Amino acid sequence: MLDPKRTPAEHWSIGALEHRNIQAVTGRYPVYLYWYVEALNVLRFAFCALRFSNLHPSLCPYFLVVAILLTSCATPIAATPPALPVPTALTFTQLEALPVQGNVSTLGYLLITTEGAILAPAAGFSAATPVALGALAEQIWCGDGSTLAIEGALATTGGVRYGVVLATGTLDTAEGYGPAAVYSRQLRNIQVHVVNPTETTIVALRENTGFYNQRVVRIVGWILLSSGSSVLVDTIGQGGVPQPGAVSLKLRYITRDPGLEATLQMTSNGAVRYGQVQIEGYMQAGTLVPLAIRRVGR
């Protein structure tokens, strides 16, 4: 607001204070707000300078032009992008690389049902309740689930408790385990730590592959599955073709999810299945290893 009782210096100080207030409230500084405040500063300064000076009226337009030019040379306050959460780096051995027996620490999807607790390389969410994915030889029997020491909260759907976990314990492979002895591995003396995936983006993973190694993340993108490759891209065009400039991320999709794949669209030549998904998984050597893939955007 133009106040004829204020000096030019006072009005300019008020403008600077408005800049600081906007940045404090919004957390960053939209460019359009910056130039709006600067325009008010020009009017304040020009109005008061003319009032407090003996400038001839015929020179007033030139004075206003000079004030505008000085303002246009100013540098806006840089917008500060919101910081992404930092996931915890984990130390573990992959399920398929565990030794035959001994003390181990591994990462997987824990599912607890009325039949018992299973640690699987991945979980499927295409049915009404989550299911363990992977061959029985890849899954680990963890007992009836009633005595598990669990740090953190598991999710629950349809009577199934589940979540990404870091599990430590003693691995046995001496005999069949679980109902009907169908499991070839068992984990006992178990301690379970629930790992909450950190929300991030494909771009962040691509630009910080070393930092995200062995960290559990959750991202949304478009999955492209063919007989020879699996990738995730951030944008897609008509017919399942990635947009020009799309950022892609390699997937190590070795634990197949038939339920998910049945929901994906097919390209016109039948070579690629695609669809928008949310993936929970961990990064390893620049590649994302999915632990769960859910369809979104349908």
C-alpha atoms as a PDB file:
ATOM      1  CA  MET A   1       0.000   0.000   0.000  1.00  0.00           C
ATOM      2  CA  LEU A   2       1.337   3.488  -0.899  1.00  0.00           C
ATOM      3  CA  ASP A   3       1.701   5.632   2.206  1.00  0.00           C
ATOM      4  CA  PRO A   4       2.626   9.291   1.476  1.00  0.00           C
ATOM      5  CA  LYS A   5       3.954   9.672   5.016  1.00  0.00           C
ATOM      6  CA  ARG A   6       6.753   7.125   4.483  1.00  0.00           C
ATOM      7  CA  THR A   7      10.142   7.894   2.958  1.00  0.00           C
ATOM      8  CA  PRO A   8      11.480   5.976  -0.084  1.00  0.00           C
ATOM      9  CA  ALA A   9      13.881   4.017   2.139  1.00  0.00           C
ATOM     10  CA  GLU A  10      11.034   2.942   4.419  1.00  0.00           C
ATOM     11  CA  HIS A  11       8.943   1.723   1.508  1.00  0.00           C
ATOM     12  CA  TRP A  12      11.876  -0.250   0.080  1.00  0.00           C
ATOM     13  CA  SER A  13      12.438  -1.901   3.487  1.00  0.00           C
ATOM     14  CA  ILE A  14       8.764  -2.893   3.614  1.00  0.00           C
ATOM     15  CA  GLY A  15       9.149  -4.580   0.209  1.00  0.00           C
ATOM     16  CA  ALA A  16      12.145  -6.588   1.409  1.00  0.00           C
ATOM     17  CA  LEU A  17      10.174  -7.675   4.475  1.00  0.00           C
ATOM     18  CA  GLU A  18       7.325  -8.889   2.236  1.00  0.00           C
ATOM     19  CA  HIS A  19       9.811 -11.026   0.291  1.00  0.00           C
ATOM     20  CA  ARG A  20      10.997 -12.667   3.511  1.00  0.00           C
ATOM     21  CA  ASN A  21       7.445 -13.233   4.808  1.00  0.00           C
ATOM     22  CA  ILE A  22       6.300 -14.975   1.620  1.00  0.00           C
ATOM     23  CA  GLN A  23       9.335 -17.248   1.634  1.00  0.00           C
ATOM     24  CA  ALA A  24       8.814 -18.111   5.315  1.00  0.00           C
ATOM     25  CA  VAL A  25       5.166 -19.045   4.815  1.00  0.00           C
ATOM     26  CA  THR A  26       5.439 -21.008   1.559  1.00  0.00           C
ATOM     27  CA  GLY A  27       8.824 -22.659   2.157  1.00  0.00           C
ATOM     28  CA  ARG A  28       9.902 -21.599  -1.314  1.00  0.00           C
ATOM     29  CA  TYR A  29       9.421 -18.606  -3.582  1.00  0.00           C
ATOM     30  CA  PRO A  30       7.148 -18.706  -6.669  1.00  0.00           C
ATOM     31  CA  VAL A  31       8.542 -16.421  -9.362  1.00  0.00           C
ATOM     32  CA  TYR A  32       5.197 -14.706  -9.999  1.00  0.00           C
ATOM     33  CA  LEU A  33       5.033 -13.613  -6.327  1.00  0.00           C
ATOM     34  CA  TYR A  34       8.552 -12.253  -6.525  1.00  0.00           C
ATOM     35  CA  TRP A  35       7.769  -9.996  -9.473  1.00  0.00           C
ATOM     36  CA  TYR A  36       4.442  -8.938  -7.932  1.00  0.00           C
ATOM     37  CA  VAL A  37       6.233  -7.676  -4.821  1.00  0.00           C
ATOM     38  CA  GLU A  38       8.929  -6.050  -6.955  1.00  0.00           C
ATOM     39  CA  ALA A  39       6.292  -4.164  -8.950  1.00  0.00           C
ATOM     40  CA  LEU A  40       4.837  -2.802  -5.715  1.00  0.00           C
ATOM     41  CA  ASN A  41       8.333  -1.764  -4.661  1.00  0.00           C
ATOM     42  CA  VAL A  42       8.782   0.219  -7.864  1.00  0.00           C
ATOM     43  CA  LEU A  43       5.517   2.087  -7.339  1.00  0.00           C
ATOM     44  CA  ARG A  44       6.336   2.770  -3.679  1.00  0.00           C
ATOM     45  CA  PHE A  45       9.820   4.041  -4.428  1.00  0.00           C
ATOM     46  CA  ALA A  46       8.816   6.152  -7.439  1.00  0.00           C
ATOM     47  CA  PHE A  47       5.833   7.690  -5.657  1.00  0.00           C
ATOM     48  CA  CYS A  48       7.768   8.653  -2.554  1.00  0.00           C
ATOM     49  CA  ALA A  49      10.899   9.778  -4.382  1.00  0.00           C
ATOM     50  CA  LEU A  50       8.821  12.152  -6.482  1.00  0.00           C
ATOM     51  CA  ARG A  51       7.022  13.440  -3.409  1.00  0.00           C
ATOM     52  CA  PHE A  52      10.212  14.090  -1.433  1.00  0.00           C
ATOM     53  CA  SER A  53      12.183  15.545  -4.353  1.00  0.00           C
ATOM     54  CA  ASN A  54      11.989  18.715  -6.398  1.00  0.00           C
ATOM     55  CA  LEU A  55      11.993  16.813  -9.702  1.00  0.00           C
ATOM     56  CA  HIS A  56      10.379  18.722 -12.558  1.00  0.00           C
ATOM     57  CA  PRO A  57       7.051  17.068 -13.566  1.00  0.00           C
ATOM     58  CA  SER A  58       8.214  16.644 -17.177  1.00  0.00           C
ATOM     59  CA  LEU A  59      10.997  14.312 -15.961  1.00  0.00           C
ATOM     60  CA  CYS A  60       8.711  12.018 -13.948  1.00  0.00           C
ATOM     61  CA  PRO A  61       8.107   9.455 -16.739  1.00  0.00           C
ATOM     62  CA  TYR A  62      11.868   9.069 -17.239  1.00  0.00           C
ATOM     63  CA  PHE A  63      12.375   8.528 -13.521  1.00  0.00           C
ATOM     64  CA  LEU A  64       9.743   5.774 -13.507  1.00  0.00           C
ATOM     65  CA  VAL A  65      11.403   4.017 -16.482  1.00  0.00           C
ATOM     66  CA  VAL A  66      14.779   4.036 -14.683  1.00  0.00           C
ATOM     67  CA  ALA A  67      13.173   2.517 -11.573  1.00  0.00           C
ATOM     68  CA  ILE A  68      11.604  -0.273 -13.636  1.00  0.00           C
ATOM     69  CA  LEU A  69      14.919  -1.037 -15.364  1.00  0.00           C
ATOM     70  CA  LEU A  70      16.699  -1.280 -12.028  1.00  0.00           C
ATOM     71  CA  THR A  71      14.056  -3.707 -10.791  1.00  0.00           C
ATOM     72  CA  SER A  72      14.340  -5.899 -13.899  1.00  0.00           C
ATOM     73  CA  CYS A  73      18.054  -6.364 -13.183  1.00  0.00           C
ATOM     74  CA  ALA A  74      17.278  -7.882  -9.800  1.00  0.00           C
ATOM     75  CA  THR A  75      17.764 -11.633  -9.345  1.00  0.00           C
ATOM     76  CA  PRO A  76      14.753 -13.539  -7.948  1.00  0.00           C
ATOM     77  CA  ILE A  77      15.249 -15.655  -4.882  1.00  0.00           C
ATOM     78  CA  ALA A  78      15.876 -19.201  -6.114  1.00  0.00           C
ATOM     79  CA  ALA A  79      13.054 -21.631  -5.493  1.00  0.00           C
ATOM     80  CA  THR A  80      14.099 -24.342  -3.075  1.00  0.00           C
ATOM     81  CA  PRO A  81      12.742 -27.774  -4.089  1.00  0.00           C
ATOM     82  CA  PRO A  82      11.355 -29.871  -1.246  1.00  0.00           C
ATOM     83  CA  ALA A  83      13.940 -32.300   0.101  1.00  0.00           C
ATOM     84  CA  LEU A  84      13.226 -35.987  -0.515  1.00  0.00           C
ATOM     85  CA  PRO A  85      13.158 -38.292   2.531  1.00  0.00           C
ATOM     86  CA  VAL A  86      16.377 -40.214   3.156  1.00  0.00           C
ATOM     87  CA  PRO A  87      15.884 -43.996   3.371  1.00  0.00           C
ATOM     88  CA  THR A  88      17.996 -46.170   5.671  1.00  0.00           C
ATOM     89  CA  ALA A  89      20.820 -48.192   4.150  1.00  0.00           C
ATOM     90  CA  LEU A  90      20.442 -51.878   5.032  1.00  0.00           C
ATOM     91  CA  THR A  91      22.926 -54.721   5.274  1.00  0.00           C
ATOM     92  CA  PHE A  92      21.477 -58.038   4.131  1.00  0.00           C
ATOM     93  CA  THR A  93      21.947 -61.056   1.900  1.00  0.00           C
ATOM     94  CA  GLN A  94      19.368 -61.681  -0.810  1.00  0.00           C
ATOM     95  CA  LEU A  95      17.058 -64.650  -0.262  1.00  0.00           C
ATOM     96  CA  GLU A  96      18.407 -66.549  -3.279  1.00  0.00           C
ATOM     97  CA  ALA A  97      22.013 -66.043  -2.141  1.00  0.00           C
ATOM     98  CA  LEU A  98      21.655 -67.265   1.453  1.00  0.00           C
ATOM     99  CA  PRO A  99      23.986 -70.023   2.679  1.00  0.00           C
ATOM    100  CA  VAL A 100      22.676 -73.522   3.312  1.00  0.00           C
ATOM    101  CA  GLN A 101      22.545 -72.911   7.050  1.00  0.00           C
ATOM    102  CA  GLY A 102      23.771 -70.589   9.807  1.00  0.00           C
ATOM    103  CA  ASN A 103      23.011 -67.114  11.079  1.00  0.00           C
ATOM    104  CA  VAL A 104      21.669 -64.847   8.344  1.00  0.00           C
ATOM    105  CA  SER A 105      20.149 -61.422   7.768  1.00  0.00           C
ATOM    106  CA  THR A 106      17.917 -61.091   4.730  1.00  0.00           C
ATOM    107  CA  LEU A 107      15.261 -58.851   3.184  1.00  0.00           C
ATOM    108  CA  GLY A 108      11.888 -59.996   1.899  1.00  0.00           C
ATOM    109  CA  TYR A 109       8.127 -59.798   2.167  1.00  0.00           C
ATOM    110  CA  LEU A 110       6.715 -61.339   5.343  1.00  0.00           C
ATOM    111  CA  LEU A 111       3.172 -62.699   5.175  1.00  0.00           C
ATOM    112  CA  ILE A 112       1.444 -64.108   8.256  1.00  0.00           C
ATOM    113  CA  THR A 113      -1.789 -66.094   7.826  1.00  0.00           C
ATOM    114  CA  THR A 114      -3.673 -68.612   9.942  1.00  0.00           C
ATOM    115  CA  GLU A 115      -1.414 -71.307   8.464  1.00  0.00           C
ATOM    116  CA  GLY A 116       1.824 -69.640   9.527  1.00  0.00           C
ATOM    117  CA  ALA A 117       4.480 -67.106   8.573  1.00  0.00           C
ATOM    118  CA  ILE A 118       6.291 -67.062   5.226  1.00  0.00           C
ATOM    119  CA  LEU A 119       9.238 -64.917   4.155  1.00  0.00           C
ATOM    120  CA  ALA A 120       9.031 -64.589   0.361  1.00  0.00           C
ATOM    121  CA  PRO A 121      11.138 -62.818  -2.272  1.00  0.00           C
ATOM    122  CA  ALA A 122       8.033 -60.828  -3.283  1.00  0.00           C
ATOM    123  CA  ALA A 123       4.313 -60.461  -2.657  1.00  0.00           C
ATOM    124  CA  GLY A 124       1.411 -60.197  -5.072  1.00  0.00           C
ATOM    125  CA  PHE A 125      -1.526 -57.817  -4.588  1.00  0.00           C
ATOM    126  CA  SER A 126      -3.777 -58.587  -7.552  1.00  0.00           C
ATOM    127  CA  ALA A 127      -6.146 -60.773  -5.502  1.00  0.00           C
ATOM    128  CA  ALA A 128      -8.359 -59.815  -2.566  1.00  0.00           C
ATOM    129  CA  THR A 129      -5.570 -60.664  -0.109  1.00  0.00           C
ATOM    130  CA  PRO A 130      -1.772 -60.547  -0.521  1.00  0.00           C
ATOM    131  CA  VAL A 131      -0.030 -63.766  -1.571  1.00  0.00           C
ATOM    132  CA  ALA A 132       3.575 -64.947  -1.435  1.00  0.00           C
ATOM    133  CA  LEU A 133       5.300 -65.053  -4.826  1.00  0.00           C
ATOM    134  CA  GLY A 134       8.157 -67.241  -5.981  1.00  0.00           C
ATOM    135  CA  ALA A 135       8.738 -70.972  -5.944  1.00  0.00           C
ATOM    136  CA  LEU A 136       8.412 -72.816  -2.630  1.00  0.00           C
ATOM    137  CA  ALA A 137      12.187 -73.402  -2.721  1.00  0.00           C
ATOM    138  CA  GLU A 138      12.668 -69.615  -2.669  1.00  0.00           C
ATOM    139  CA  GLN A 139      10.366 -69.049   0.308  1.00  0.00           C
ATOM    140  CA  ILE A 140      11.323 -69.540   3.964  1.00  0.00           C
ATOM    141  CA  TRP A 141       9.096 -70.988   6.665  1.00  0.00           C
ATOM    142  CA  CYS A 142       9.108 -68.780   9.783  1.00  0.00           C
ATOM    143  CA  GLY A 143       6.879 -70.800  12.126  1.00  0.00           C
ATOM    144  CA  ASP A 144       3.263 -70.181  13.052  1.00  0.00           C
ATOM    145  CA  GLY A 145       3.905 -66.439  13.463  1.00  0.00           C
ATOM    146  CA  SER A 146       2.710 -66.239  17.071  1.00  0.00           C
ATOM    147  CA  THR A 147       6.196 -66.068  18.578  1.00  0.00           C
ATOM    148  CA  LEU A 148       7.851 -63.717  16.110  1.00  0.00           C
ATOM    149  CA  ALA A 149       9.626 -60.729  17.664  1.00  0.00           C
ATOM    150  CA  ILE A 150       8.459 -57.955  15.338  1.00  0.00           C
ATOM    151  CA  GLU A 151       9.759 -54.403  15.565  1.00  0.00           C
ATOM    152  CA  GLY A 152       7.342 -52.092  13.801  1.00  0.00           C
ATOM    153  CA  ALA A 153       3.796 -52.443  12.506  1.00  0.00           C
ATOM    154  CA  LEU A 154       2.703 -54.788   9.735  1.00  0.00           C
ATOM    155  CA  ALA A 155      -0.241 -53.930   7.483  1.00  0.00           C
ATOM    156  CA  THR A 156      -3.365 -56.122   7.532  1.00  0.00           C
ATOM    157  CA  THR A 157      -5.740 -57.033   4.700  1.00  0.00           C
ATOM    158  CA  GLY A 158      -8.341 -59.777   4.838  1.00  0.00           C
ATOM    159  CA  GLY A 159      -6.757 -61.431   7.846  1.00  0.00           C
ATOM    160  CA  VAL A 160      -3.246 -61.425   6.317  1.00  0.00           C
ATOM    161  CA  ARG A 161      -0.512 -59.424   8.036  1.00  0.00           C
ATOM    162  CA  TYR A 162       2.281 -58.376   5.713  1.00  0.00           C
ATOM    163  CA  GLY A 163       5.153 -55.990   5.059  1.00  0.00           C
ATOM    164  CA  VAL A 164       8.710 -55.548   3.850  1.00  0.00           C
ATOM    165  CA  VAL A 165      11.005 -56.782   6.618  1.00  0.00           C
ATOM    166  CA  LEU A 166      14.641 -57.258   7.502  1.00  0.00           C
ATOM    167  CA  ALA A 167      14.755 -60.687   9.152  1.00  0.00           C
ATOM    168  CA  THR A 168      17.647 -62.141  11.128  1.00  0.00           C
ATOM    169  CA  GLY A 169      17.855 -65.632  12.568  1.00  0.00           C
ATOM    170  CA  THR A 170      19.271 -69.115  12.157  1.00  0.00           C
ATOM    171  CA  LEU A 171      18.642 -70.784   8.807  1.00  0.00           C
ATOM    172  CA  ASP A 172      18.041 -74.553   8.595  1.00  0.00           C
ATOM    173  CA  THR A 173      17.733 -76.654   5.447  1.00  0.00           C
ATOM    174  CA  ALA A 174      17.841 -80.153   6.922  1.00  0.00           C
ATOM    175  CA  GLU A 175      14.249 -81.244   6.220  1.00  0.00           C
ATOM    176  CA  GLY A 176      10.809 -80.149   5.005  1.00  0.00           C
ATOM    177  CA  TYR A 177       9.053 -77.461   7.047  1.00  0.00           C
ATOM    178  CA  GLY A 178       5.619 -76.004   7.442  1.00  0.00           C
ATOM    179  CA  PRO A 179       2.232 -77.519   6.561  1.00  0.00           C
ATOM    180  CA  ALA A 180       2.763 -80.815   4.702  1.00  0.00           C
ATOM    181  CA  ALA A 181       6.532 -80.163   4.899  1.00  0.00           C
ATOM    182  CA  VAL A 182       6.487 -78.237   1.593  1.00  0.00           C
ATOM    183  CA  TYR A 183       9.191 -75.711   2.500  1.00  0.00           C
ATOM    184  CA  SER A 184      12.867 -76.641   2.207  1.00  0.00           C
ATOM    185  CA  ARG A 185      14.145 -73.820   4.446  1.00  0.00           C
ATOM    186  CA  GLN A 186      13.275 -72.608   7.909  1.00  0.00           C
ATOM    187  CA  LEU A 187      14.309 -69.533   9.880  1.00  0.00           C
ATOM    188  CA  ARG A 188      14.289 -69.809  13.678  1.00  0.00           C
ATOM    189  CA  ASN A 189      15.277 -67.531  16.571  1.00  0.00           C
ATOM    190  CA  ILE A 190      13.910 -64.791  14.353  1.00  0.00           C
ATOM    191  CA  GLN A 191      13.991 -61.058  14.887  1.00  0.00           C
ATOM    192  CA  VAL A 192      11.946 -59.031  12.422  1.00  0.00           C
ATOM    193  CA  HIS A 193      12.311 -55.320  11.679  1.00  0.00           C
ATOM    194  CA  VAL A 194       9.552 -53.817   9.526  1.00  0.00           C
ATOM    195  CA  VAL A 195      11.032 -51.606   6.795  1.00  0.00           C
ATOM    196  CA  ASN A 196       8.808 -48.762   5.618  1.00  0.00           C
ATOM    197  CA  PRO A 197       9.688 -47.943   1.990  1.00  0.00           C
ATOM    198  CA  THR A 198      10.692 -44.350   1.306  1.00  0.00           C
ATOM    199  CA  GLU A 199       8.719 -42.451  -1.345  1.00  0.00           C
ATOM    200  CA  THR A 200      10.947 -41.217  -4.155  1.00  0.00           C
ATOM    201  CA  THR A 201      11.049 -40.771  -7.937  1.00  0.00           C
ATOM    202  CA  ILE A 202      12.626 -42.466 -10.934  1.00  0.00           C
ATOM    203  CA  VAL A 203      14.709 -39.349 -11.593  1.00  0.00           C
ATOM    204  CA  ALA A 204      16.067 -39.340  -8.021  1.00  0.00           C
ATOM    205  CA  LEU A 205      17.011 -43.014  -8.271  1.00  0.00           C
ATOM    206  CA  ARG A 206      18.766 -42.519 -11.605  1.00  0.00           C
ATOM    207  CA  GLU A 207      20.705 -39.505 -10.382  1.00  0.00           C
ATOM    208  CA  ASN A 208      21.733 -41.085  -7.045  1.00  0.00           C
ATOM    209  CA  THR A 209      22.198 -44.787  -7.794  1.00  0.00           C
ATOM    210  CA  GLY A 210      25.119 -45.177  -5.399  1.00  0.00           C
ATOM    211  CA  PHE A 211      23.341 -43.449  -2.541  1.00  0.00           C
ATOM    212  CA  TYR A 212      20.165 -45.552  -2.889  1.00  0.00           C
ATOM    213  CA  ASN A 213      22.010 -48.882  -3.051  1.00  0.00           C
ATOM    214  CA  GLN A 214      20.543 -51.433  -0.581  1.00  0.00           C
ATOM    215  CA  ARG A 215      17.761 -49.009   0.379  1.00  0.00           C
ATOM    216  CA  VAL A 216      14.053 -49.791   0.204  1.00  0.00           C
ATOM    217  CA  VAL A 217      11.981 -47.337  -1.845  1.00  0.00           C
ATOM    218  CA  ARG A 218       8.474 -46.861  -3.229  1.00  0.00           C
ATOM    219  CA  ILE A 219       7.965 -45.235  -6.641  1.00  0.00           C
ATOM    220  CA  VAL A 220       5.259 -44.845  -9.277  1.00  0.00           C
ATOM    221  CA  GLY A 221       5.878 -45.232 -12.988  1.00  0.00           C
ATOM    222  CA  TRP A 222       4.987 -47.167 -16.136  1.00  0.00           C
ATOM    223  CA  ILE A 223       6.237 -50.734 -16.316  1.00  0.00           C
ATOM    224  CA  LEU A 224       7.249 -52.207 -19.677  1.00  0.00           C
ATOM    225  CA  LEU A 225       7.629 -55.984 -19.764  1.00  0.00           C
ATOM    226  CA  SER A 226       8.964 -57.944 -22.735  1.00  0.00           C
ATOM    227  CA  SER A 227      10.539 -61.364 -23.124  1.00  0.00           C
ATOM    228  CA  GLY A 228      14.016 -59.934 -22.749  1.00  0.00           C
ATOM    229  CA  SER A 229      13.773 -56.863 -20.517  1.00  0.00           C
ATOM    230  CA  SER A 230      11.865 -55.113 -17.751  1.00  0.00           C
ATOM    231  CA  VAL A 231      12.007 -51.338 -17.278  1.00  0.00           C
ATOM    232  CA  LEU A 232      10.142 -48.587 -15.464  1.00  0.00           C
ATOM    233  CA  VAL A 233       9.660 -45.179 -17.145  1.00  0.00           C
ATOM    234  CA  ASP A 234       8.235 -41.934 -15.786  1.00  0.00           C
ATOM    235  CA  THR A 235       6.114 -40.997 -18.817  1.00  0.00           C
ATOM    236  CA  ILE A 236       4.498 -42.968 -21.605  1.00  0.00           C
ATOM    237  CA  GLY A 237       2.723 -42.147 -24.841  1.00  0.00           C
ATOM    238  CA  GLN A 238       0.035 -43.709 -26.957  1.00  0.00           C
ATOM    239  CA  GLY A 239       0.273 -47.469 -27.353  1.00  0.00           C
ATOM    240  CA  GLY A 240       2.858 -48.043 -24.636  1.00  0.00           C
ATOM    241  CA  VAL A 241       5.686 -46.071 -26.254  1.00  0.00           C
ATOM    242  CA  PRO A 242       7.807 -43.994 -23.826  1.00  0.00           C
ATOM    243  CA  GLN A 243       7.613 -40.238 -24.369  1.00  0.00           C
ATOM    244  CA  PRO A 244      10.674 -38.462 -25.825  1.00  0.00           C
ATOM    245  CA  GLY A 245      12.966 -37.626 -22.929  1.00  0.00           C
ATOM    246  CA  ALA A 246      11.349 -40.155 -20.597  1.00  0.00           C
ATOM    247  CA  VAL A 247      13.569 -41.301 -17.722  1.00  0.00           C
ATOM    248  CA  SER A 248      13.867 -45.073 -17.392  1.00  0.00           C
ATOM    249  CA  LEU A 249      15.055 -47.442 -14.677  1.00  0.00           C
ATOM    250  CA  LYS A 250      16.057 -51.074 -15.115  1.00  0.00           C
ATOM    251  CA  LEU A 251      14.121 -53.688 -13.146  1.00  0.00           C
ATOM    252  CA  ARG A 252      15.351 -57.087 -12.002  1.00  0.00           C
ATOM    253  CA  TYR A 253      11.934 -58.675 -12.314  1.00  0.00           C
ATOM    254  CA  ILE A 254      12.836 -62.286 -11.594  1.00  0.00           C
ATOM    255  CA  THR A 255       9.960 -63.154  -9.248  1.00  0.00           C
ATOM    256  CA  ARG A 256       7.084 -63.064 -11.687  1.00  0.00           C
ATOM    257  CA  ASP A 257       3.590 -61.922 -10.710  1.00  0.00           C
ATOM    258  CA  PRO A 258       1.070 -63.590 -13.071  1.00  0.00           C
ATOM    259  CA  GLY A 259      -1.856 -61.753 -11.465  1.00  0.00           C
ATOM    260  CA  LEU A 260      -0.260 -58.376 -12.161  1.00  0.00           C
ATOM    261  CA  GLU A 261       0.755 -59.264 -15.709  1.00  0.00           C
ATOM    262  CA  ALA A 262      -2.813 -60.285 -16.535  1.00  0.00           C
ATOM    263  CA  THR A 263      -3.943 -56.695 -15.814  1.00  0.00           C
ATOM    264  CA  LEU A 264      -1.403 -55.022 -18.119  1.00  0.00           C
ATOM    265  CA  GLN A 265      -2.161 -53.754 -21.600  1.00  0.00           C
ATOM    266  CA  MET A 266      -0.448 -55.141 -24.684  1.00  0.00           C
ATOM    267  CA  THR A 267       1.275 -53.189 -27.449  1.00  0.00           C
ATOM    268  CA  SER A 268      -0.110 -53.551 -30.977  1.00  0.00           C
ATOM    269  CA  ASN A 269       2.608 -56.045 -31.970  1.00  0.00           C
ATOM    270  CA  GLY A 270       2.064 -58.111 -28.811  1.00  0.00           C
ATOM    271  CA  ALA A 271       5.712 -57.821 -27.778  1.00  0.00           C
ATOM    272  CA  VAL A 272       5.370 -55.624 -24.688  1.00  0.00           C
ATOM    273  CA  ARG A 273       2.988 -55.477 -21.749  1.00  0.00           C
ATOM    274  CA  TYR A 274       2.647 -52.108 -20.038  1.00  0.00           C
ATOM    275  CA  GLY A 275       0.726 -50.265 -17.345  1.00  0.00           C
ATOM    276  CA  GLN A 276       1.053 -47.744 -14.525  1.00  0.00           C
ATOM    277  CA  VAL A 277       2.250 -49.316 -11.293  1.00  0.00           C
ATOM    278  CA  GLN A 278       3.556 -48.610  -7.822  1.00  0.00           C
ATOM    279  CA  ILE A 279       6.678 -50.583  -6.935  1.00  0.00           C
ATOM    280  CA  GLU A 280       8.176 -51.308  -3.536  1.00  0.00           C
ATOM    281  CA  GLY A 281      11.676 -52.644  -3.831  1.00  0.00           C
ATOM    282  CA  TYR A 282      15.347 -52.093  -3.188  1.00  0.00           C
ATOM    283  CA  MET A 283      18.138 -50.739  -5.338  1.00  0.00           C
ATOM    284  CA  GLN A 284      21.138 -52.871  -6.177  1.00  0.00           C
ATOM    285  CA  ALA A 285      23.919 -51.755  -8.522  1.00  0.00           C
ATOM    286  CA  GLY A 286      21.664 -49.256 -10.287  1.00  0.00           C
ATOM    287  CA  THR A 287      18.809 -51.721 -10.753  1.00  0.00           C
ATOM    288  CA  LEU A 288      15.508 -51.814  -8.858  1.00  0.00           C
ATOM    289  CA  VAL A 289      14.573 -55.223  -7.440  1.00  0.00           C
ATOM    290  CA  PRO A 290      10.778 -55.302  -6.922  1.00  0.00           C
ATOM    291  CA  LEU A 291       9.354 -56.735  -3.707  1.00  0.00           C
ATOM    292  CA  ALA A 292       5.768 -55.808  -4.596  1.00  0.00           C
ATOM    293  CA  ILE A 293       4.111 -54.334  -7.682  1.00  0.00           C
ATOM    294  CA  ARG A 294       0.613 -52.864  -7.537  1.00  0.00           C
ATOM    295  CA  ARG A 295      -1.473 -51.481 -10.386  1.00  0.00           C
ATOM    296  CA  VAL A 296      -2.469 -47.801 -10.053  1.00  0.00           C
ATOM    297  CA  GLY A 297      -4.306 -45.303 -12.208  1.00  0.00           C
ATOM    298  CA  ARG A 298      -7.019 -47.690 -13.411  1.00  0.00           C
END
